[in-house]
Amino acid sequence: MLDHLARHIRRQVRALASDFSGVWNSQHTAGRERKRMVRLLVEDVTVRQEQTTVTIYVRFKAGAAKTLEIVRPKPYCERTRVAISM
């Protein structure tokens, strides 16, 4: 009986893991559960800010790593500046 239950639970866990994005995006997944999911997967995150870019280093618990580079948007005052002509 317990062996059957353990196999059933393992199948359910594998099904959830294979549809990670579905679980993450589900309206039934609470924010605290998403945080738990991240804590189970991510070892650490390092953020480096440069003048025009932000570089994010993510190290996963399984040993993999991912580097993301994002271009920083201009400050609001520069994006909305209007040239005055006289």
PDB file of N, CA and C in Angstrom:
ATOM      1  N   MET A   1       0.823  -1.202   0.000  1.00  0.00           N
ATOM      2  CA  MET A   1       0.000   0.000   0.000  1.00  0.00           C
ATOM      3  C   MET A   1       0.862   1.260   0.000  1.00  0.00           C
ATOM      4  N   LEU A   2       1.845   1.320   0.899  1.00  0.00           N
ATOM      5  CA  LEU A   2       2.705   2.503   0.966  1.00  0.00           C
ATOM      6  C   LEU A   2       3.568   2.638  -0.283  1.00  0.00           C
ATOM      7  N   ASP A   3       4.019   1.511  -0.813  1.00  0.00           N
ATOM      8  CA  ASP A   3       4.820   1.545  -2.032  1.00  0.00           C
ATOM      9  C   ASP A   3       4.006   2.105  -3.196  1.00  0.00           C
ATOM     10  N   HIS A   4       2.747   1.691  -3.279  1.00  0.00           N
ATOM     11  CA  HIS A   4       1.860   2.198  -4.329  1.00  0.00           C
ATOM     12  C   HIS A   4       1.652   3.706  -4.162  1.00  0.00           C
ATOM     13  N   LEU A   5       1.455   4.154  -2.926  1.00  0.00           N
ATOM     14  CA  LEU A   5       1.270   5.572  -2.644  1.00  0.00           C
ATOM     15  C   LEU A   5       2.520   6.363  -3.004  1.00  0.00           C
ATOM     16  N   ALA A   6       3.679   5.834  -2.648  1.00  0.00           N
ATOM     17  CA  ALA A   6       4.940   6.513  -2.962  1.00  0.00           C
ATOM     18  C   ALA A   6       5.109   6.646  -4.473  1.00  0.00           C
ATOM     19  N   ARG A   7       4.774   5.595  -5.236  1.00  0.00           N
ATOM     20  CA  ARG A   7       4.872   5.675  -6.701  1.00  0.00           C
ATOM     21  C   ARG A   7       3.902   6.704  -7.260  1.00  0.00           C
ATOM     22  N   HIS A   8       2.707   6.747  -6.694  1.00  0.00           N
ATOM     23  CA  HIS A   8       1.703   7.720  -7.135  1.00  0.00           C
ATOM     24  C   HIS A   8       2.179   9.152  -6.877  1.00  0.00           C
ATOM     25  N   ILE A   9       2.746   9.391  -5.710  1.00  0.00           N
ATOM     26  CA  ILE A   9       3.261  10.733  -5.374  1.00  0.00           C
ATOM     27  C   ILE A   9       4.426  11.094  -6.288  1.00  0.00           C
ATOM     28  N   ARG A  10       5.328  10.138  -6.555  1.00  0.00           N
ATOM     29  CA  ARG A  10       6.447  10.398  -7.463  1.00  0.00           C
ATOM     30  C   ARG A  10       5.945  10.779  -8.847  1.00  0.00           C
ATOM     31  N   ARG A  11       4.922  10.098  -9.332  1.00  0.00           N
ATOM     32  CA  ARG A  11       4.353  10.430 -10.646  1.00  0.00           C
ATOM     33  C   ARG A  11       3.771  11.838 -10.642  1.00  0.00           C
ATOM     34  N   GLN A  12       3.097  12.211  -9.580  1.00  0.00           N
ATOM     35  CA  GLN A  12       2.524  13.552  -9.488  1.00  0.00           C
ATOM     36  C   GLN A  12       3.622  14.622  -9.464  1.00  0.00           C
ATOM     37  N   VAL A  13       4.680  14.382  -8.715  1.00  0.00           N
ATOM     38  CA  VAL A  13       5.787  15.337  -8.633  1.00  0.00           C
ATOM     39  C   VAL A  13       6.453  15.479 -10.004  1.00  0.00           C
ATOM     40  N   ARG A  14       6.669  14.372 -10.688  1.00  0.00           N
ATOM     41  CA  ARG A  14       7.271  14.429 -12.035  1.00  0.00           C
ATOM     42  C   ARG A  14       6.374  15.187 -13.008  1.00  0.00           C
ATOM     43  N   ALA A  15       5.074  14.981 -12.907  1.00  0.00           N
ATOM     44  CA  ALA A  15       4.138  15.694 -13.781  1.00  0.00           C
ATOM     45  C   ALA A  15       4.203  17.201 -13.521  1.00  0.00           C
ATOM     46  N   LEU A  16       4.269  17.589 -12.258  1.00  0.00           N
ATOM     47  CA  LEU A  16       4.390  19.018 -11.925  1.00  0.00           C
ATOM     48  C   LEU A  16       5.703  19.591 -12.433  1.00  0.00           C
ATOM     49  N   ALA A  17       6.785  18.842 -12.257  1.00  0.00           N
ATOM     50  CA  ALA A  17       8.100  19.325 -12.691  1.00  0.00           C
ATOM     51  C   ALA A  17       8.170  19.464 -14.200  1.00  0.00           C
ATOM     52  N   SER A  18       7.510  18.588 -14.929  1.00  0.00           N
ATOM     53  CA  SER A  18       7.558  18.672 -16.397  1.00  0.00           C
ATOM     54  C   SER A  18       6.718  19.830 -16.922  1.00  0.00           C
ATOM     55  N   ASP A  19       5.808  20.354 -16.101  1.00  0.00           N
ATOM     56  CA  ASP A  19       4.978  21.495 -16.506  1.00  0.00           C
ATOM     57  C   ASP A  19       5.225  22.673 -15.569  1.00  0.00           C
ATOM     58  N   PHE A  20       6.501  22.995 -15.372  1.00  0.00           N
ATOM     59  CA  PHE A  20       6.873  24.057 -14.426  1.00  0.00           C
ATOM     60  C   PHE A  20       6.199  25.377 -14.771  1.00  0.00           C
ATOM     61  N   SER A  21       6.224  25.767 -16.053  1.00  0.00           N
ATOM     62  CA  SER A  21       5.636  27.056 -16.436  1.00  0.00           C
ATOM     63  C   SER A  21       4.133  27.063 -16.198  1.00  0.00           C
ATOM     64  N   GLY A  22       3.489  25.921 -16.396  1.00  0.00           N
ATOM     65  CA  GLY A  22       2.054  25.849 -16.121  1.00  0.00           C
ATOM     66  C   GLY A  22       1.753  26.034 -14.644  1.00  0.00           C
ATOM     67  N   VAL A  23       2.553  25.406 -13.796  1.00  0.00           N
ATOM     68  CA  VAL A  23       2.375  25.556 -12.345  1.00  0.00           C
ATOM     69  C   VAL A  23       2.673  26.999 -11.937  1.00  0.00           C
ATOM     70  N   TRP A  24       3.764  27.559 -12.464  1.00  0.00           N
ATOM     71  CA  TRP A  24       4.168  28.930 -12.111  1.00  0.00           C
ATOM     72  C   TRP A  24       3.096  29.946 -12.509  1.00  0.00           C
ATOM     73  N   ASN A  25       2.543  29.807 -13.707  1.00  0.00           N
ATOM     74  CA  ASN A  25       1.578  30.778 -14.232  1.00  0.00           C
ATOM     75  C   ASN A  25       0.140  30.519 -13.812  1.00  0.00           C
ATOM     76  N   SER A  26      -0.108  29.440 -13.093  1.00  0.00           N
ATOM     77  CA  SER A  26      -1.458  29.120 -12.672  1.00  0.00           C
ATOM     78  C   SER A  26      -1.992  30.175 -11.712  1.00  0.00           C
ATOM     79  N   GLN A  27      -3.250  30.522 -11.896  1.00  0.00           N
ATOM     80  CA  GLN A  27      -3.858  31.493 -10.983  1.00  0.00           C
ATOM     81  C   GLN A  27      -4.033  30.915  -9.578  1.00  0.00           C
ATOM     82  N   HIS A  28      -3.910  29.603  -9.451  1.00  0.00           N
ATOM     83  CA  HIS A  28      -4.058  28.946  -8.156  1.00  0.00           C
ATOM     84  C   HIS A  28      -2.742  28.865  -7.383  1.00  0.00           C
ATOM     85  N   THR A  29      -1.623  29.250  -8.010  1.00  0.00           N
ATOM     86  CA  THR A  29      -0.331  29.222  -7.326  1.00  0.00           C
ATOM     87  C   THR A  29      -0.122  30.558  -6.623  1.00  0.00           C
ATOM     88  N   ALA A  30      -0.047  30.514  -5.313  1.00  0.00           N
ATOM     89  CA  ALA A  30       0.115  31.733  -4.514  1.00  0.00           C
ATOM     90  C   ALA A  30       1.546  32.251  -4.613  1.00  0.00           C
ATOM     91  N   GLY A  31       1.723  33.518  -4.327  1.00  0.00           N
ATOM     92  CA  GLY A  31       3.042  34.145  -4.362  1.00  0.00           C
ATOM     93  C   GLY A  31       4.041  33.443  -3.460  1.00  0.00           C
ATOM     94  N   ARG A  32       3.612  33.043  -2.281  1.00  0.00           N
ATOM     95  CA  ARG A  32       4.532  32.369  -1.353  1.00  0.00           C
ATOM     96  C   ARG A  32       4.998  31.032  -1.908  1.00  0.00           C
ATOM     97  N   GLU A  33       4.133  30.357  -2.691  1.00  0.00           N
ATOM     98  CA  GLU A  33       4.531  29.095  -3.320  1.00  0.00           C
ATOM     99  C   GLU A  33       5.545  29.336  -4.433  1.00  0.00           C
ATOM    100  N   ARG A  34       5.392  30.428  -5.166  1.00  0.00           N
ATOM    101  CA  ARG A  34       6.377  30.777  -6.198  1.00  0.00           C
ATOM    102  C   ARG A  34       7.736  31.056  -5.556  1.00  0.00           C
ATOM    103  N   LYS A  35       7.723  31.745  -4.423  1.00  0.00           N
ATOM    104  CA  LYS A  35       8.975  32.007  -3.704  1.00  0.00           C
ATOM    105  C   LYS A  35       9.637  30.705  -3.264  1.00  0.00           C
ATOM    106  N   ARG A  36       8.849  29.766  -2.803  1.00  0.00           N
ATOM    107  CA  ARG A  36       9.396  28.466  -2.403  1.00  0.00           C
ATOM    108  C   ARG A  36      10.006  27.748  -3.597  1.00  0.00           C
ATOM    109  N   MET A  37       9.335  27.839  -4.747  1.00  0.00           N
ATOM    110  CA  MET A  37       9.850  27.201  -5.954  1.00  0.00           C
ATOM    111  C   MET A  37      11.203  27.794  -6.334  1.00  0.00           C
ATOM    112  N   VAL A  38      11.315  29.111  -6.247  1.00  0.00           N
ATOM    113  CA  VAL A  38      12.581  29.782  -6.577  1.00  0.00           C
ATOM    114  C   VAL A  38      13.667  29.349  -5.601  1.00  0.00           C
ATOM    115  N   ARG A  39      13.346  29.297  -4.318  1.00  0.00           N
ATOM    116  CA  ARG A  39      14.338  28.894  -3.311  1.00  0.00           C
ATOM    117  C   ARG A  39      14.834  27.465  -3.533  1.00  0.00           C
ATOM    118  N   LEU A  40      13.978  26.602  -4.047  1.00  0.00           N
ATOM    119  CA  LEU A  40      14.388  25.230  -4.323  1.00  0.00           C
ATOM    120  C   LEU A  40      15.324  25.137  -5.518  1.00  0.00           C
ATOM    121  N   LEU A  41      15.248  26.092  -6.437  1.00  0.00           N
ATOM    122  CA  LEU A  41      16.008  26.023  -7.681  1.00  0.00           C
ATOM    123  C   LEU A  41      17.256  26.900  -7.713  1.00  0.00           C
ATOM    124  N   VAL A  42      17.211  28.070  -7.078  1.00  0.00           N
ATOM    125  CA  VAL A  42      18.273  29.069  -7.218  1.00  0.00           C
ATOM    126  C   VAL A  42      19.182  29.072  -5.989  1.00  0.00           C
ATOM    127  N   GLU A  43      20.498  28.982  -6.249  1.00  0.00           N
ATOM    128  CA  GLU A  43      21.495  29.047  -5.175  1.00  0.00           C
ATOM    129  C   GLU A  43      21.760  30.498  -4.778  1.00  0.00           C
ATOM    130  N   ASP A  44      22.098  31.332  -5.761  1.00  0.00           N
ATOM    131  CA  ASP A  44      22.310  32.762  -5.488  1.00  0.00           C
ATOM    132  C   ASP A  44      22.197  33.582  -6.762  1.00  0.00           C
ATOM    133  N   VAL A  45      22.039  34.883  -6.563  1.00  0.00           N
ATOM    134  CA  VAL A  45      21.927  35.848  -7.663  1.00  0.00           C
ATOM    135  C   VAL A  45      22.845  37.016  -7.348  1.00  0.00           C
ATOM    136  N   THR A  46      23.628  37.432  -8.342  1.00  0.00           N
ATOM    137  CA  THR A  46      24.496  38.593  -8.203  1.00  0.00           C
ATOM    138  C   THR A  46      24.094  39.607  -9.268  1.00  0.00           C
ATOM    139  N   VAL A  47      23.937  40.861  -8.861  1.00  0.00           N
ATOM    140  CA  VAL A  47      23.536  41.920  -9.787  1.00  0.00           C
ATOM    141  C   VAL A  47      24.641  42.967  -9.829  1.00  0.00           C
ATOM    142  N   ARG A  48      25.109  43.283 -11.053  1.00  0.00           N
ATOM    143  CA  ARG A  48      26.116  44.333 -11.248  1.00  0.00           C
ATOM    144  C   ARG A  48      25.495  45.426 -12.108  1.00  0.00           C
ATOM    145  N   GLN A  49      25.525  46.640 -11.589  1.00  0.00           N
ATOM    146  CA  GLN A  49      24.956  47.764 -12.327  1.00  0.00           C
ATOM    147  C   GLN A  49      26.068  48.601 -12.924  1.00  0.00           C
ATOM    148  N   GLU A  50      25.988  48.791 -14.214  1.00  0.00           N
ATOM    149  CA  GLU A  50      26.891  49.692 -14.921  1.00  0.00           C
ATOM    150  C   GLU A  50      26.068  50.903 -15.334  1.00  0.00           C
ATOM    151  N   GLN A  51      26.702  51.839 -16.000  1.00  0.00           N
ATOM    152  CA  GLN A  51      25.992  53.061 -16.370  1.00  0.00           C
ATOM    153  C   GLN A  51      24.858  52.792 -17.362  1.00  0.00           C
ATOM    154  N   THR A  52      25.082  51.918 -18.333  1.00  0.00           N
ATOM    155  CA  THR A  52      24.058  51.685 -19.352  1.00  0.00           C
ATOM    156  C   THR A  52      23.463  50.275 -19.313  1.00  0.00           C
ATOM    157  N   THR A  53      24.020  49.366 -18.513  1.00  0.00           N
ATOM    158  CA  THR A  53      23.522  47.994 -18.465  1.00  0.00           C
ATOM    159  C   THR A  53      23.441  47.477 -17.030  1.00  0.00           C
ATOM    160  N   VAL A  54      22.662  46.430 -16.870  1.00  0.00           N
ATOM    161  CA  VAL A  54      22.597  45.684 -15.616  1.00  0.00           C
ATOM    162  C   VAL A  54      22.899  44.235 -15.975  1.00  0.00           C
ATOM    163  N   THR A  55      23.891  43.630 -15.312  1.00  0.00           N
ATOM    164  CA  THR A  55      24.236  42.244 -15.555  1.00  0.00           C
ATOM    165  C   THR A  55      23.802  41.422 -14.343  1.00  0.00           C
ATOM    166  N   ILE A  56      23.066  40.341 -14.622  1.00  0.00           N
ATOM    167  CA  ILE A  56      22.531  39.486 -13.566  1.00  0.00           C
ATOM    168  C   ILE A  56      23.122  38.090 -13.741  1.00  0.00           C
ATOM    169  N   TYR A  57      23.782  37.597 -12.700  1.00  0.00           N
ATOM    170  CA  TYR A  57      24.346  36.251 -12.698  1.00  0.00           C
ATOM    171  C   TYR A  57      23.475  35.389 -11.783  1.00  0.00           C
ATOM    172  N   VAL A  58      22.920  34.311 -12.331  1.00  0.00           N
ATOM    173  CA  VAL A  58      22.081  33.405 -11.549  1.00  0.00           C
ATOM    174  C   VAL A  58      22.785  32.053 -11.479  1.00  0.00           C
ATOM    175  N   ARG A  59      22.981  31.548 -10.259  1.00  0.00           N
ATOM    176  CA  ARG A  59      23.591  30.229 -10.068  1.00  0.00           C
ATOM    177  C   ARG A  59      22.531  29.310  -9.479  1.00  0.00           C
ATOM    178  N   PHE A  60      22.274  28.200 -10.176  1.00  0.00           N
ATOM    179  CA  PHE A  60      21.241  27.262  -9.757  1.00  0.00           C
ATOM    180  C   PHE A  60      21.820  26.190  -8.847  1.00  0.00           C
ATOM    181  N   LYS A  61      20.975  25.596  -8.026  1.00  0.00           N
ATOM    182  CA  LYS A  61      21.421  24.567  -7.086  1.00  0.00           C
ATOM    183  C   LYS A  61      21.965  23.339  -7.790  1.00  0.00           C
ATOM    184  N   ALA A  62      21.522  23.083  -9.006  1.00  0.00           N
ATOM    185  CA  ALA A  62      22.005  21.912  -9.752  1.00  0.00           C
ATOM    186  C   ALA A  62      23.391  22.145 -10.342  1.00  0.00           C
ATOM    187  N   GLY A  63      23.922  23.373 -10.206  1.00  0.00           N
ATOM    188  CA  GLY A  63      25.265  23.668 -10.699  1.00  0.00           C
ATOM    189  C   GLY A  63      25.291  24.505 -11.965  1.00  0.00           C
ATOM    190  N   ALA A  64      24.182  24.617 -12.654  1.00  0.00           N
ATOM    191  CA  ALA A  64      24.133  25.429 -13.871  1.00  0.00           C
ATOM    192  C   ALA A  64      24.181  26.912 -13.504  1.00  0.00           C
ATOM    193  N   ALA A  65      24.543  27.739 -14.480  1.00  0.00           N
ATOM    194  CA  ALA A  65      24.588  29.182 -14.275  1.00  0.00           C
ATOM    195  C   ALA A  65      24.025  29.875 -15.506  1.00  0.00           C
ATOM    196  N   LYS A  66      23.476  31.057 -15.297  1.00  0.00           N
ATOM    197  CA  LYS A  66      22.897  31.829 -16.394  1.00  0.00           C
ATOM    198  C   LYS A  66      23.278  33.285 -16.185  1.00  0.00           C
ATOM    199  N   THR A  67      23.703  33.950 -17.256  1.00  0.00           N
ATOM    200  CA  THR A  67      24.035  35.370 -17.210  1.00  0.00           C
ATOM    201  C   THR A  67      23.046  36.122 -18.083  1.00  0.00           C
ATOM    202  N   LEU A  68      22.449  37.154 -17.521  1.00  0.00           N
ATOM    203  CA  LEU A  68      21.506  37.988 -18.257  1.00  0.00           C
ATOM    204  C   LEU A  68      22.042  39.412 -18.282  1.00  0.00           C
ATOM    205  N   GLU A  69      21.942  40.062 -19.417  1.00  0.00           N
ATOM    206  CA  GLU A  69      22.370  41.463 -19.507  1.00  0.00           C
ATOM    207  C   GLU A  69      21.204  42.278 -20.031  1.00  0.00           C
ATOM    208  N   ILE A  70      20.863  43.316 -19.298  1.00  0.00           N
ATOM    209  CA  ILE A  70      19.721  44.151 -19.625  1.00  0.00           C
ATOM    210  C   ILE A  70      20.201  45.581 -19.829  1.00  0.00           C
ATOM    211  N   VAL A  71      19.730  46.211 -20.895  1.00  0.00           N
ATOM    212  CA  VAL A  71      20.055  47.614 -21.132  1.00  0.00           C
ATOM    213  C   VAL A  71      19.163  48.460 -20.233  1.00  0.00           C
ATOM    214  N   ARG A  72      19.793  49.356 -19.487  1.00  0.00           N
ATOM    215  CA  ARG A  72      19.037  50.221 -18.586  1.00  0.00           C
ATOM    216  C   ARG A  72      18.279  51.270 -19.395  1.00  0.00           C
ATOM    217  N   PRO A  73      17.030  51.487 -19.076  1.00  0.00           N
ATOM    218  CA  PRO A  73      16.297  52.542 -19.778  1.00  0.00           C
ATOM    219  C   PRO A  73      16.812  53.912 -19.345  1.00  0.00           C
ATOM    220  N   LYS A  74      16.625  54.884 -20.218  1.00  0.00           N
ATOM    221  CA  LYS A  74      17.006  56.253 -19.850  1.00  0.00           C
ATOM    222  C   LYS A  74      16.113  56.717 -18.709  1.00  0.00           C
ATOM    223  N   PRO A  75      16.619  57.630 -17.882  1.00  0.00           N
ATOM    224  CA  PRO A  75      15.782  58.180 -16.811  1.00  0.00           C
ATOM    225  C   PRO A  75      14.535  58.859 -17.390  1.00  0.00           C
ATOM    226  N   TYR A  76      13.488  58.890 -16.613  1.00  0.00           N
ATOM    227  CA  TYR A  76      12.215  59.447 -17.063  1.00  0.00           C
ATOM    228  C   TYR A  76      12.373  60.858 -17.615  1.00  0.00           C
ATOM    229  N   CYS A  77      13.164  61.684 -16.930  1.00  0.00           N
ATOM    230  CA  CYS A  77      13.317  63.073 -17.372  1.00  0.00           C
ATOM    231  C   CYS A  77      13.967  63.158 -18.754  1.00  0.00           C
ATOM    232  N   GLU A  78      14.827  62.205 -19.089  1.00  0.00           N
ATOM    233  CA  GLU A  78      15.444  62.207 -20.421  1.00  0.00           C
ATOM    234  C   GLU A  78      14.505  61.633 -21.476  1.00  0.00           C
ATOM    235  N   ARG A  79      13.669  60.699 -21.097  1.00  0.00           N
ATOM    236  CA  ARG A  79      12.729  60.114 -22.063  1.00  0.00           C
ATOM    237  C   ARG A  79      11.613  61.066 -22.423  1.00  0.00           C
ATOM    238  N   THR A  80      11.265  61.961 -21.518  1.00  0.00           N
ATOM    239  CA  THR A  80      10.139  62.851 -21.762  1.00  0.00           C
ATOM    240  C   THR A  80      10.559  64.268 -22.108  1.00  0.00           C
ATOM    241  N   ARG A  81      11.854  64.485 -22.273  1.00  0.00           N
ATOM    242  CA  ARG A  81      12.369  65.814 -22.575  1.00  0.00           C
ATOM    243  C   ARG A  81      11.842  66.264 -23.937  1.00  0.00           C
ATOM    244  N   VAL A  82      11.390  67.502 -24.002  1.00  0.00           N
ATOM    245  CA  VAL A  82      10.883  68.074 -25.250  1.00  0.00           C
ATOM    246  C   VAL A  82      11.798  69.215 -25.659  1.00  0.00           C
ATOM    247  N   ALA A  83      12.192  69.201 -26.925  1.00  0.00           N
ATOM    248  CA  ALA A  83      13.051  70.280 -27.427  1.00  0.00           C
ATOM    249  C   ALA A  83      12.224  71.550 -27.574  1.00  0.00           C
ATOM    250  N   ILE A  84      12.779  72.630 -27.083  1.00  0.00           N
ATOM    251  CA  ILE A  84      12.094  73.923 -27.189  1.00  0.00           C
ATOM    252  C   ILE A  84      12.703  74.690 -28.349  1.00  0.00           C
ATOM    253  N   SER A  85      11.869  75.092 -29.290  1.00  0.00           N
ATOM    254  CA  SER A  85      12.368  75.880 -30.431  1.00  0.00           C
ATOM    255  C   SER A  85      11.885  77.304 -30.290  1.00  0.00           C
ATOM    256  N   MET A  86      12.785  78.217 -30.605  1.00  0.00           N
ATOM    257  CA  MET A  86      12.441  79.638 -30.498  1.00  0.00           C
ATOM    258  C   MET A  86      12.585  80.327 -31.801  1.00  0.00           C
TER     259      MET A  86
END
